[in-house]
N, C-alpha and C. Protein backbone atom coordinates (compact mmCIF):
# COMPACT_ATOMS: atom_id res chain seq x y z
N MET A 1 187.67 43.26 19.15
CA MET A 1 187.18 43.84 17.89
C MET A 1 187.58 45.33 17.83
N GLY A 2 187.93 45.66 16.65
CA GLY A 2 188.38 46.98 16.47
C GLY A 2 187.28 47.94 16.16
N ARG A 3 187.51 49.13 16.61
CA ARG A 3 186.55 50.20 16.28
C ARG A 3 186.70 50.73 14.94
N HIS A 4 185.67 50.97 14.25
CA HIS A 4 185.73 51.51 12.90
C HIS A 4 185.49 52.97 12.97
N LYS A 5 186.42 53.75 12.46
CA LYS A 5 186.28 55.21 12.43
C LYS A 5 185.61 55.60 11.08
N LEU A 6 184.77 56.64 11.17
CA LEU A 6 184.09 57.10 9.96
C LEU A 6 184.99 58.22 9.37
N THR A 7 184.91 58.27 8.10
CA THR A 7 185.66 59.34 7.36
C THR A 7 184.81 60.60 7.46
N ASP A 8 185.47 61.72 7.12
CA ASP A 8 184.74 62.99 7.14
C ASP A 8 183.60 62.95 6.18
N GLU A 9 183.76 62.32 5.03
CA GLU A 9 182.68 62.25 4.00
C GLU A 9 181.49 61.42 4.54
N GLN A 10 181.79 60.35 5.23
CA GLN A 10 180.73 59.54 5.72
C GLN A 10 179.96 60.29 6.87
N ILE A 11 180.71 61.04 7.69
CA ILE A 11 180.09 61.82 8.75
C ILE A 11 179.10 62.88 8.13
N LYS A 12 179.55 63.57 7.03
CA LYS A 12 178.75 64.59 6.40
C LYS A 12 177.44 63.87 5.83
N GLN A 13 177.60 62.70 5.26
CA GLN A 13 176.49 62.02 4.69
C GLN A 13 175.52 61.59 5.75
N LYS A 14 176.02 61.13 6.91
CA LYS A 14 175.13 60.76 8.07
C LYS A 14 174.39 61.93 8.65
N LEU A 15 175.13 63.11 8.69
CA LEU A 15 174.47 64.29 9.13
C LEU A 15 173.38 64.77 8.23
N THR A 16 173.63 64.68 6.92
CA THR A 16 172.63 65.05 5.91
C THR A 16 171.40 64.17 6.04
N GLU A 17 171.63 62.87 6.19
CA GLU A 17 170.53 61.92 6.34
C GLU A 17 169.70 62.30 7.55
N GLY A 18 170.37 62.61 8.65
CA GLY A 18 169.71 62.91 9.92
C GLY A 18 168.84 64.18 9.77
N ARG A 19 169.41 65.22 9.04
CA ARG A 19 168.61 66.42 8.85
C ARG A 19 167.41 66.11 7.99
N ASN A 20 167.62 65.32 6.95
CA ASN A 20 166.46 64.93 6.09
C ASN A 20 165.38 64.16 6.85
N PHE A 21 165.78 63.22 7.72
CA PHE A 21 164.86 62.49 8.51
C PHE A 21 164.10 63.42 9.47
N LYS A 22 164.85 64.36 10.08
CA LYS A 22 164.22 65.26 11.03
C LYS A 22 163.21 66.15 10.32
N ARG A 23 163.51 66.61 9.14
CA ARG A 23 162.60 67.48 8.33
C ARG A 23 161.36 66.64 7.97
N LEU A 24 161.56 65.41 7.49
CA LEU A 24 160.46 64.57 7.14
C LEU A 24 159.56 64.21 8.35
N TYR A 25 160.21 64.06 9.49
CA TYR A 25 159.45 63.71 10.71
C TYR A 25 158.48 64.90 11.05
N TYR A 26 158.96 66.13 10.97
CA TYR A 26 158.10 67.22 11.36
C TYR A 26 156.92 67.43 10.30
N GLU A 27 157.22 67.18 9.01
CA GLU A 27 156.19 67.28 7.98
C GLU A 27 155.17 66.13 8.17
N LEU A 28 155.56 64.98 8.47
CA LEU A 28 154.62 63.87 8.67
C LEU A 28 153.89 64.07 9.95
N LYS A 29 154.50 64.65 11.01
CA LYS A 29 153.78 64.90 12.26
C LYS A 29 152.69 65.96 12.05
N ASP A 30 152.96 66.98 11.20
CA ASP A 30 151.98 67.97 10.94
C ASP A 30 150.77 67.34 10.21
N LYS A 31 151.05 66.52 9.24
CA LYS A 31 150.00 65.82 8.50
C LYS A 31 149.22 64.94 9.39
N PHE A 32 149.88 64.21 10.25
CA PHE A 32 149.22 63.29 11.23
C PHE A 32 148.30 64.09 12.14
N ASP A 33 148.71 65.25 12.62
CA ASP A 33 147.93 66.05 13.48
C ASP A 33 146.65 66.57 12.79
N VAL A 34 146.79 66.94 11.51
CA VAL A 34 145.57 67.38 10.75
C VAL A 34 144.65 66.19 10.62
N ILE A 35 145.14 65.04 10.24
CA ILE A 35 144.30 63.89 10.02
C ILE A 35 143.59 63.47 11.31
N THR A 36 144.32 63.57 12.45
CA THR A 36 143.74 63.22 13.75
C THR A 36 142.59 64.17 14.08
N ASP A 37 142.77 65.50 13.81
CA ASP A 37 141.72 66.44 14.09
C ASP A 37 140.50 66.12 13.18
N GLU A 38 140.76 65.77 11.90
CA GLU A 38 139.64 65.47 11.05
C GLU A 38 138.91 64.17 11.55
N HIS A 39 139.69 63.21 12.02
CA HIS A 39 139.09 61.98 12.51
C HIS A 39 138.22 62.25 13.71
N LYS A 40 138.56 63.12 14.59
CA LYS A 40 137.76 63.50 15.74
C LYS A 40 136.40 64.12 15.33
N GLN A 41 136.37 64.78 14.20
CA GLN A 41 135.16 65.40 13.69
C GLN A 41 134.18 64.46 12.99
N CYS A 42 134.72 63.23 12.66
CA CYS A 42 133.91 62.27 11.85
C CYS A 42 132.55 61.88 12.48
N PRO A 43 132.44 61.53 13.76
CA PRO A 43 131.17 61.18 14.37
C PRO A 43 130.15 62.31 14.18
N GLN A 44 130.57 63.55 14.39
CA GLN A 44 129.60 64.67 14.24
C GLN A 44 129.20 64.79 12.78
N ILE A 45 130.07 64.64 11.87
CA ILE A 45 129.70 64.73 10.44
C ILE A 45 128.75 63.62 10.09
N ILE A 46 129.06 62.40 10.53
CA ILE A 46 128.23 61.24 10.21
C ILE A 46 126.85 61.49 10.81
N ALA A 47 126.69 62.03 12.01
CA ALA A 47 125.42 62.29 12.63
C ALA A 47 124.61 63.33 11.79
N GLU A 48 125.30 64.34 11.33
CA GLU A 48 124.64 65.37 10.54
C GLU A 48 124.12 64.82 9.20
N LEU A 49 124.93 64.01 8.56
CA LEU A 49 124.61 63.37 7.27
C LEU A 49 123.47 62.39 7.48
N THR A 50 123.45 61.65 8.53
CA THR A 50 122.39 60.67 8.80
C THR A 50 121.12 61.39 8.98
N ALA A 51 121.11 62.50 9.76
CA ALA A 51 119.88 63.26 10.01
C ALA A 51 119.38 63.83 8.65
N ARG A 52 120.27 64.32 7.81
CA ARG A 52 119.90 64.92 6.53
C ARG A 52 119.32 63.83 5.68
N TYR A 53 119.95 62.61 5.52
CA TYR A 53 119.41 61.60 4.69
C TYR A 53 118.11 61.02 5.18
N ASP A 54 117.96 60.93 6.54
CA ASP A 54 116.69 60.51 7.11
C ASP A 54 115.54 61.45 6.71
N ALA A 55 115.83 62.74 6.77
CA ALA A 55 114.82 63.73 6.39
C ALA A 55 114.47 63.59 4.85
N ILE A 56 115.51 63.34 4.04
CA ILE A 56 115.28 63.22 2.59
C ILE A 56 114.45 61.93 2.36
N ILE A 57 114.76 60.86 3.01
CA ILE A 57 114.05 59.60 2.83
C ILE A 57 112.59 59.72 3.28
N GLU A 58 112.33 60.41 4.38
CA GLU A 58 111.01 60.66 4.84
C GLU A 58 110.19 61.50 3.85
N ASN A 59 110.86 62.51 3.32
CA ASN A 59 110.18 63.36 2.28
C ASN A 59 109.85 62.50 1.02
N GLN A 60 110.78 61.71 0.58
CA GLN A 60 110.55 60.90 -0.59
C GLN A 60 109.44 59.86 -0.38
N ASN A 61 109.41 59.25 0.83
CA ASN A 61 108.33 58.33 1.12
C ASN A 61 106.95 59.03 1.12
N ALA A 62 106.90 60.27 1.65
CA ALA A 62 105.68 61.01 1.59
C ALA A 62 105.22 61.28 0.14
N ARG A 63 106.18 61.62 -0.67
CA ARG A 63 105.90 61.87 -2.12
C ARG A 63 105.44 60.59 -2.83
N ILE A 64 106.12 59.47 -2.55
CA ILE A 64 105.74 58.23 -3.17
C ILE A 64 104.32 57.82 -2.74
N THR A 65 103.98 58.03 -1.52
CA THR A 65 102.63 57.69 -1.00
C THR A 65 101.62 58.54 -1.75
N GLU A 66 101.95 59.88 -1.91
CA GLU A 66 101.04 60.78 -2.60
C GLU A 66 100.91 60.33 -4.08
N LEU A 67 101.99 59.97 -4.72
CA LEU A 67 101.88 59.59 -6.11
C LEU A 67 101.11 58.28 -6.25
N GLU A 68 101.31 57.29 -5.35
CA GLU A 68 100.54 56.08 -5.39
C GLU A 68 99.07 56.32 -5.29
N THR A 69 98.70 57.26 -4.39
CA THR A 69 97.31 57.63 -4.25
C THR A 69 96.76 58.26 -5.53
N MET A 70 97.58 59.07 -6.16
CA MET A 70 97.13 59.74 -7.37
C MET A 70 96.96 58.67 -8.51
N VAL A 71 97.87 57.73 -8.58
CA VAL A 71 97.85 56.72 -9.69
C VAL A 71 96.79 55.66 -9.39
N PHE A 72 96.82 55.05 -8.23
CA PHE A 72 96.03 53.91 -7.92
C PHE A 72 94.69 54.24 -7.15
N GLY A 73 94.60 55.47 -6.70
CA GLY A 73 93.45 55.83 -5.96
C GLY A 73 93.49 55.41 -4.50
N ARG A 74 92.56 55.82 -3.69
CA ARG A 74 92.56 55.46 -2.28
C ARG A 74 92.05 54.06 -2.14
N LYS A 75 92.43 53.39 -1.04
CA LYS A 75 91.94 52.08 -0.77
C LYS A 75 90.48 52.17 -0.39
N LYS A 76 89.67 51.32 -0.96
CA LYS A 76 88.25 51.30 -0.67
C LYS A 76 88.02 50.73 0.66
N ARG A 77 87.14 51.42 1.45
CA ARG A 77 86.77 50.88 2.78
C ARG A 77 85.38 50.32 2.65
N PRO A 78 85.11 49.26 3.36
CA PRO A 78 83.80 48.64 3.29
C PRO A 78 82.73 49.58 3.86
N ARG A 79 81.59 49.62 3.15
CA ARG A 79 80.51 50.51 3.65
C ARG A 79 79.82 49.90 4.85
N SER A 80 79.34 50.73 5.68
CA SER A 80 78.68 50.23 6.93
C SER A 80 77.39 49.54 6.64
N GLY A 81 76.59 50.01 5.66
CA GLY A 81 75.35 49.43 5.29
C GLY A 81 75.42 48.33 4.27
N GLY A 82 76.55 48.20 3.73
CA GLY A 82 76.75 47.21 2.69
C GLY A 82 76.88 45.79 3.25
N ARG A 83 76.96 44.83 2.33
CA ARG A 83 77.11 43.44 2.71
C ARG A 83 78.54 43.17 3.02
N SER A 84 78.84 42.42 4.05
CA SER A 84 80.18 42.02 4.32
C SER A 84 80.25 40.56 4.60
N ASP A 85 81.41 39.95 4.63
CA ASP A 85 81.60 38.54 4.83
C ASP A 85 81.28 38.12 6.28
N THR A 86 81.23 39.04 7.16
CA THR A 86 80.96 38.71 8.56
C THR A 86 79.45 38.64 8.85
N ASP A 87 78.59 39.07 7.88
CA ASP A 87 77.17 39.00 8.09
C ASP A 87 76.60 37.67 8.06
N GLY A 88 77.38 36.71 7.50
CA GLY A 88 76.89 35.33 7.38
C GLY A 88 76.37 35.11 5.98
N SER A 89 76.20 36.17 5.20
CA SER A 89 75.68 36.02 3.81
C SER A 89 76.88 35.61 2.96
N THR A 90 76.61 34.68 2.07
CA THR A 90 77.68 34.23 1.16
C THR A 90 77.21 34.43 -0.25
N LYS A 91 78.17 34.63 -1.18
CA LYS A 91 77.85 34.76 -2.62
C LYS A 91 77.43 33.47 -3.18
N GLN A 92 76.46 33.55 -4.04
CA GLN A 92 75.95 32.36 -4.77
C GLN A 92 76.94 32.03 -5.85
N PRO A 93 77.33 30.78 -6.07
CA PRO A 93 78.28 30.47 -7.11
C PRO A 93 77.61 30.66 -8.48
N ARG A 94 78.46 31.14 -9.45
CA ARG A 94 77.90 31.42 -10.80
C ARG A 94 77.73 30.11 -11.53
N ASP A 95 76.66 30.12 -12.39
CA ASP A 95 76.38 29.06 -13.28
C ASP A 95 77.38 29.05 -14.44
N ALA A 96 77.68 27.94 -15.00
CA ALA A 96 78.66 27.87 -16.07
C ALA A 96 78.15 28.62 -17.28
N THR A 97 76.86 28.67 -17.52
CA THR A 97 76.34 29.37 -18.73
C THR A 97 76.46 30.87 -18.60
N SER A 98 76.65 31.41 -17.37
CA SER A 98 76.79 32.87 -17.24
C SER A 98 78.10 33.37 -17.77
N TYR A 99 79.02 32.49 -18.04
CA TYR A 99 80.30 32.94 -18.58
C TYR A 99 80.31 33.06 -20.10
N HIS A 100 79.23 32.65 -20.77
CA HIS A 100 79.12 32.67 -22.22
C HIS A 100 78.14 33.72 -22.70
N ARG A 101 78.46 34.32 -23.82
CA ARG A 101 77.59 35.32 -24.42
C ARG A 101 76.44 34.59 -25.11
N PRO A 102 75.19 35.11 -25.02
CA PRO A 102 74.08 34.38 -25.64
C PRO A 102 74.23 34.47 -27.20
N LYS A 103 73.71 33.41 -27.83
CA LYS A 103 73.81 33.33 -29.30
C LYS A 103 72.87 34.43 -29.88
N PRO A 104 73.33 35.20 -30.90
CA PRO A 104 72.43 36.27 -31.45
C PRO A 104 71.29 35.61 -32.26
N SER A 105 70.20 36.34 -32.31
CA SER A 105 69.09 35.88 -33.13
C SER A 105 69.39 36.09 -34.62
N GLU A 106 68.58 35.47 -35.46
CA GLU A 106 68.79 35.56 -36.91
C GLU A 106 68.73 37.01 -37.44
N ASP A 107 67.80 37.80 -36.91
CA ASP A 107 67.70 39.17 -37.45
C ASP A 107 68.81 40.11 -36.94
N GLU A 108 69.55 39.72 -35.90
CA GLU A 108 70.72 40.51 -35.46
C GLU A 108 71.93 40.30 -36.34
N ILE A 109 72.00 39.16 -37.05
CA ILE A 109 73.20 38.85 -37.89
C ILE A 109 73.12 39.67 -39.11
N THR A 110 74.07 40.57 -39.36
CA THR A 110 74.10 41.35 -40.56
C THR A 110 74.93 40.81 -41.68
N SER A 111 75.99 40.20 -41.35
CA SER A 111 76.84 39.66 -42.40
C SER A 111 77.72 38.51 -41.82
N GLU A 112 78.23 37.66 -42.74
CA GLU A 112 79.10 36.61 -42.34
C GLU A 112 80.42 36.74 -43.13
N GLU A 113 81.53 36.46 -42.49
CA GLU A 113 82.80 36.55 -43.12
C GLU A 113 83.47 35.22 -42.95
N HIS A 114 84.16 34.79 -44.03
CA HIS A 114 84.89 33.53 -43.90
C HIS A 114 86.38 33.80 -43.84
N HIS A 115 87.07 33.33 -42.83
CA HIS A 115 88.50 33.53 -42.64
C HIS A 115 89.18 32.21 -42.83
N ALA A 116 89.74 32.01 -43.96
CA ALA A 116 90.37 30.71 -44.26
C ALA A 116 91.82 30.69 -43.64
N ILE A 117 92.20 29.53 -43.24
CA ILE A 117 93.58 29.31 -42.73
C ILE A 117 94.31 28.52 -43.80
N ASP A 118 95.29 29.17 -44.45
CA ASP A 118 96.00 28.57 -45.55
C ASP A 118 97.41 28.18 -45.21
N ALA A 119 97.98 28.67 -44.10
CA ALA A 119 99.36 28.42 -43.73
C ALA A 119 99.47 28.01 -42.30
N CYS A 120 100.49 27.18 -42.03
CA CYS A 120 100.76 26.69 -40.69
C CYS A 120 101.15 27.89 -39.81
N ASN A 121 100.62 28.01 -38.65
CA ASN A 121 100.92 29.06 -37.73
C ASN A 121 102.36 29.03 -37.20
N HIS A 122 102.94 27.82 -37.11
CA HIS A 122 104.27 27.68 -36.53
C HIS A 122 105.38 27.77 -37.58
N CYS A 123 105.26 26.96 -38.62
CA CYS A 123 106.34 26.92 -39.61
C CYS A 123 106.08 27.81 -40.90
N GLY A 124 104.83 28.17 -41.07
CA GLY A 124 104.50 29.05 -42.22
C GLY A 124 104.31 28.27 -43.52
N GLY A 125 104.40 26.98 -43.48
CA GLY A 125 104.15 26.13 -44.65
C GLY A 125 102.71 26.04 -45.00
N PRO A 126 102.41 25.67 -46.29
CA PRO A 126 101.01 25.52 -46.72
C PRO A 126 100.30 24.31 -46.08
N LEU A 127 99.00 24.45 -45.81
CA LEU A 127 98.23 23.42 -45.21
C LEU A 127 97.55 22.59 -46.32
N THR A 128 97.56 21.25 -46.18
CA THR A 128 96.97 20.35 -47.16
C THR A 128 95.98 19.47 -46.42
N ASP A 129 95.08 18.82 -47.13
CA ASP A 129 94.03 17.96 -46.59
C ASP A 129 93.29 18.62 -45.48
N LYS A 130 92.79 19.82 -45.70
CA LYS A 130 92.03 20.54 -44.65
C LYS A 130 90.62 20.07 -44.65
N GLN A 131 90.02 20.12 -43.48
CA GLN A 131 88.55 19.83 -43.28
C GLN A 131 87.96 20.98 -42.46
N GLU A 132 86.78 21.28 -42.76
CA GLU A 132 86.07 22.34 -42.08
C GLU A 132 85.00 21.78 -41.15
N TYR A 133 85.04 22.14 -39.88
CA TYR A 133 84.06 21.76 -38.88
C TYR A 133 83.29 22.98 -38.47
N VAL A 134 81.93 22.82 -38.43
CA VAL A 134 81.09 23.95 -37.98
C VAL A 134 80.42 23.62 -36.75
């Protein structure tokens, strides 16, 4: 196999490429060194930020607790002299009539109003063949 000789122009081109690669190498090496130094500082920065955010979260939780107390009030504690479920006493069940208001007497009634239903509640159409139940 024959050896291939480079022309003077090809030699100049190769030397220029070599200088360009050498210059780029040193620029990239400097950038790499800066990034490596920054990377080494990351754990310390993360620890500082974590401590700062933990303090903020703790402060916010205290504020939220204070606001909940202001809005909803304090939780009621059972009184020592009061009735509790552990005493053995139980609540009496309510009678069904206790859920209804008593009927007013005749002298308490001042006026009567009639509220007629003339239209369907769903479709709005007029009602026919109505009957009244009292």
